[in-house]
Amino acid sequence: MTNQKDRTASIGASVVAVIDENTGRFALVLDKAKPEPHYWKFPGGKIDKEDVNPEHPYDDHLAADNAAVREVKEETGVAVQISRLGKIDKKTHVQYLYVGLGNFAELAATGDEGEIVKAFSLDQIKELQNFFPNHLPILELALNLVGWE
């Protein structure tokens, strides 16, 4: 039987398109500590053991939900209400996709691990030369969910 620590490594990661409830701007993070190229991207990260609900230890979606909320708070300082957008099965893990709504009055300048945090309008994101290409489908899903073009 696989223990819980081993299983969480295989559950995957969560990524959240975080939108300010007042301005419609998006929170993006840039982590200079990661190898180049450095990209602006949506907050997110691996699902950890503490994200797993002990009452529902095999509910991967619930663990991913918990990771999404935790990662956004750690990386941006913003508490979010999330909605599931879907998931992508990658070769090594599953990536759970979300849109999150929060108040950017709480937006931090840096994340818990030193990420640079900024709010961008949709037009600004479209003009970014270094927006993470893998997050474009997440942006499109989020825009469709909230009814933006």
Protein backbone atom coordinates (compact mmCIF):
# COMPACT_ATOMS: atom_id res chain seq x y z
CA MET A 1 0.00 0.00 0.00
CA THR A 2 1.28 3.47 -0.88
CA ASN A 3 1.74 5.76 2.09
CA GLN A 4 0.18 9.22 2.07
CA LYS A 5 3.48 11.07 1.65
CA ASP A 6 4.33 9.07 -1.50
CA ARG A 7 0.80 9.50 -2.85
CA THR A 8 0.75 13.31 -2.49
CA ALA A 9 3.82 13.55 -4.71
CA SER A 10 1.83 11.92 -7.48
CA ILE A 11 -1.37 13.94 -7.04
CA GLY A 12 0.04 16.97 -8.79
CA ALA A 13 -0.08 20.73 -8.61
CA SER A 14 -2.59 23.57 -8.60
CA VAL A 15 -2.48 26.80 -10.65
CA VAL A 16 -4.82 29.74 -10.00
CA ALA A 17 -5.72 32.69 -12.23
CA VAL A 18 -6.31 35.17 -9.39
CA ILE A 19 -8.57 38.15 -10.18
CA ASP A 20 -9.08 41.24 -8.01
CA GLU A 21 -12.77 41.55 -7.15
CA ASN A 22 -12.56 45.36 -7.34
CA THR A 23 -10.48 46.07 -10.45
CA GLY A 24 -10.48 42.86 -12.53
CA ARG A 25 -6.68 42.82 -12.52
CA PHE A 26 -4.76 39.54 -12.31
CA ALA A 27 -2.07 38.65 -9.77
CA LEU A 28 1.10 37.30 -11.35
CA VAL A 29 4.31 36.15 -9.73
CA LEU A 30 7.88 36.08 -11.01
CA ASP A 31 10.43 33.90 -9.22
CA LYS A 32 14.00 35.11 -9.85
CA ALA A 33 15.33 32.20 -7.76
CA LYS A 34 14.22 29.73 -10.46
CA PRO A 35 16.45 29.06 -13.46
CA GLU A 36 16.08 31.35 -16.46
CA PRO A 37 14.08 32.20 -18.42
CA HIS A 38 12.09 34.10 -15.80
CA TYR A 39 8.37 34.24 -16.51
CA TRP A 40 5.40 36.05 -15.05
CA LYS A 41 2.88 33.36 -14.21
CA PHE A 42 -0.16 32.57 -12.13
CA PRO A 43 0.45 31.47 -8.54
CA GLY A 44 0.43 27.80 -7.79
CA GLY A 45 2.46 24.83 -6.72
CA LYS A 46 2.64 21.25 -5.60
CA ILE A 47 -0.02 19.58 -3.52
CA ASP A 48 1.50 18.88 -0.11
CA LYS A 49 0.64 16.35 2.56
CA GLU A 50 -1.09 19.06 4.65
CA ASP A 51 -3.45 19.80 1.75
CA VAL A 52 -4.99 16.32 2.01
CA ASN A 53 -8.17 16.26 4.08
CA PRO A 54 -7.79 13.43 6.65
CA GLU A 55 -11.53 12.73 6.45
CA HIS A 56 -11.24 12.29 2.66
CA PRO A 57 -7.63 11.13 2.09
CA TYR A 58 -8.23 9.92 -1.48
CA ASP A 59 -10.15 12.96 -2.72
CA ASP A 60 -7.49 14.41 -5.01
CA HIS A 61 -9.74 17.30 -6.11
CA LEU A 62 -10.22 18.41 -2.50
CA ALA A 63 -6.47 18.23 -1.87
CA ALA A 64 -5.90 20.27 -5.05
CA ASP A 65 -8.51 22.83 -3.91
CA ASN A 66 -6.72 23.20 -0.57
CA ALA A 67 -3.35 23.54 -2.28
CA ALA A 68 -4.72 26.21 -4.62
CA VAL A 69 -5.95 28.40 -1.76
CA ARG A 70 -2.75 27.84 0.26
CA GLU A 71 -0.39 28.57 -2.64
CA VAL A 72 -2.17 31.81 -3.56
CA LYS A 73 -2.00 33.00 0.05
CA GLU A 74 1.71 32.08 0.33
CA GLU A 75 2.70 33.61 -2.99
CA THR A 76 0.51 36.74 -3.08
CA GLY A 77 -0.91 37.34 0.41
CA VAL A 78 -4.45 37.23 -1.01
CA ALA A 79 -7.21 35.01 0.40
CA VAL A 80 -9.25 33.67 -2.53
CA GLN A 81 -12.55 32.02 -3.32
CA ILE A 82 -11.79 29.48 -6.05
CA SER A 83 -13.71 27.82 -8.86
CA ARG A 84 -12.43 24.77 -10.68
CA LEU A 85 -11.59 25.22 -14.35
CA GLY A 86 -10.41 21.69 -15.07
CA LYS A 87 -7.24 19.66 -15.07
CA ILE A 88 -4.47 18.72 -17.43
CA ASP A 89 -2.87 15.29 -17.30
CA LYS A 90 0.84 15.83 -17.82
CA LYS A 91 3.48 13.13 -18.20
CA THR A 92 4.66 13.45 -14.60
CA HIS A 93 1.63 14.77 -12.72
CA VAL A 94 -1.85 16.26 -12.93
CA GLN A 95 -2.20 20.05 -13.04
CA TYR A 96 -5.45 21.32 -11.48
CA LEU A 97 -6.64 24.66 -12.88
CA TYR A 98 -8.63 27.34 -11.04
CA VAL A 99 -9.86 30.88 -11.20
CA GLY A 100 -9.78 32.70 -7.89
CA LEU A 101 -11.43 35.90 -6.72
CA GLY A 102 -9.85 38.01 -3.98
CA ASN A 103 -9.22 41.50 -2.69
CA PHE A 104 -5.91 42.93 -3.86
CA ALA A 105 -5.79 45.31 -0.90
CA GLU A 106 -4.06 42.28 0.64
CA LEU A 107 -1.63 41.85 -2.31
CA ALA A 108 1.94 41.45 -1.08
CA ALA A 109 4.96 42.91 -2.88
CA THR A 110 6.81 39.62 -2.42
CA GLY A 111 5.71 36.07 -1.76
CA ASP A 112 6.80 33.83 1.12
CA GLU A 113 9.67 32.46 -0.99
CA GLY A 114 10.73 35.84 -2.41
CA GLU A 115 8.58 35.83 -5.56
CA ILE A 116 7.89 39.27 -7.04
CA VAL A 117 4.13 39.90 -7.04
CA LYS A 118 2.28 42.39 -9.25
CA ALA A 119 -1.23 43.08 -10.50
CA PHE A 120 -1.74 43.24 -14.26
CA SER A 121 -4.69 44.18 -16.45
CA LEU A 122 -5.67 41.76 -19.18
CA ASP A 123 -4.23 44.14 -21.79
CA GLN A 124 -0.93 44.29 -19.89
CA ILE A 125 -0.74 40.48 -19.76
CA LYS A 126 -1.33 40.29 -23.51
CA GLU A 127 1.62 42.68 -24.02
CA LEU A 128 4.03 40.82 -21.70
CA GLN A 129 6.94 39.28 -23.57
CA ASN A 130 7.65 36.97 -20.64
CA PHE A 131 4.23 35.62 -19.68
CA PHE A 132 4.56 31.86 -19.10
CA PRO A 133 3.29 30.26 -22.35
CA ASN A 134 1.94 27.19 -20.51
CA HIS A 135 -0.45 29.46 -18.59
CA LEU A 136 -2.15 30.90 -21.68
CA PRO A 137 -4.78 28.10 -21.73
CA ILE A 138 -5.51 28.80 -18.05
CA LEU A 139 -6.03 32.48 -18.85
CA GLU A 140 -8.42 31.58 -21.68
CA LEU A 141 -10.41 29.20 -19.46
CA ALA A 142 -10.63 31.84 -16.71
CA LEU A 143 -11.80 34.50 -19.17
CA ASN A 144 -14.47 32.19 -20.54
CA LEU A 145 -15.68 31.33 -17.04
CA VAL A 146 -16.11 34.97 -16.04
CA GLY A 147 -17.55 35.93 -19.44
CA TRP A 148 -14.67 38.11 -20.66
CA GLU A 149 -13.29 38.08 -24.18
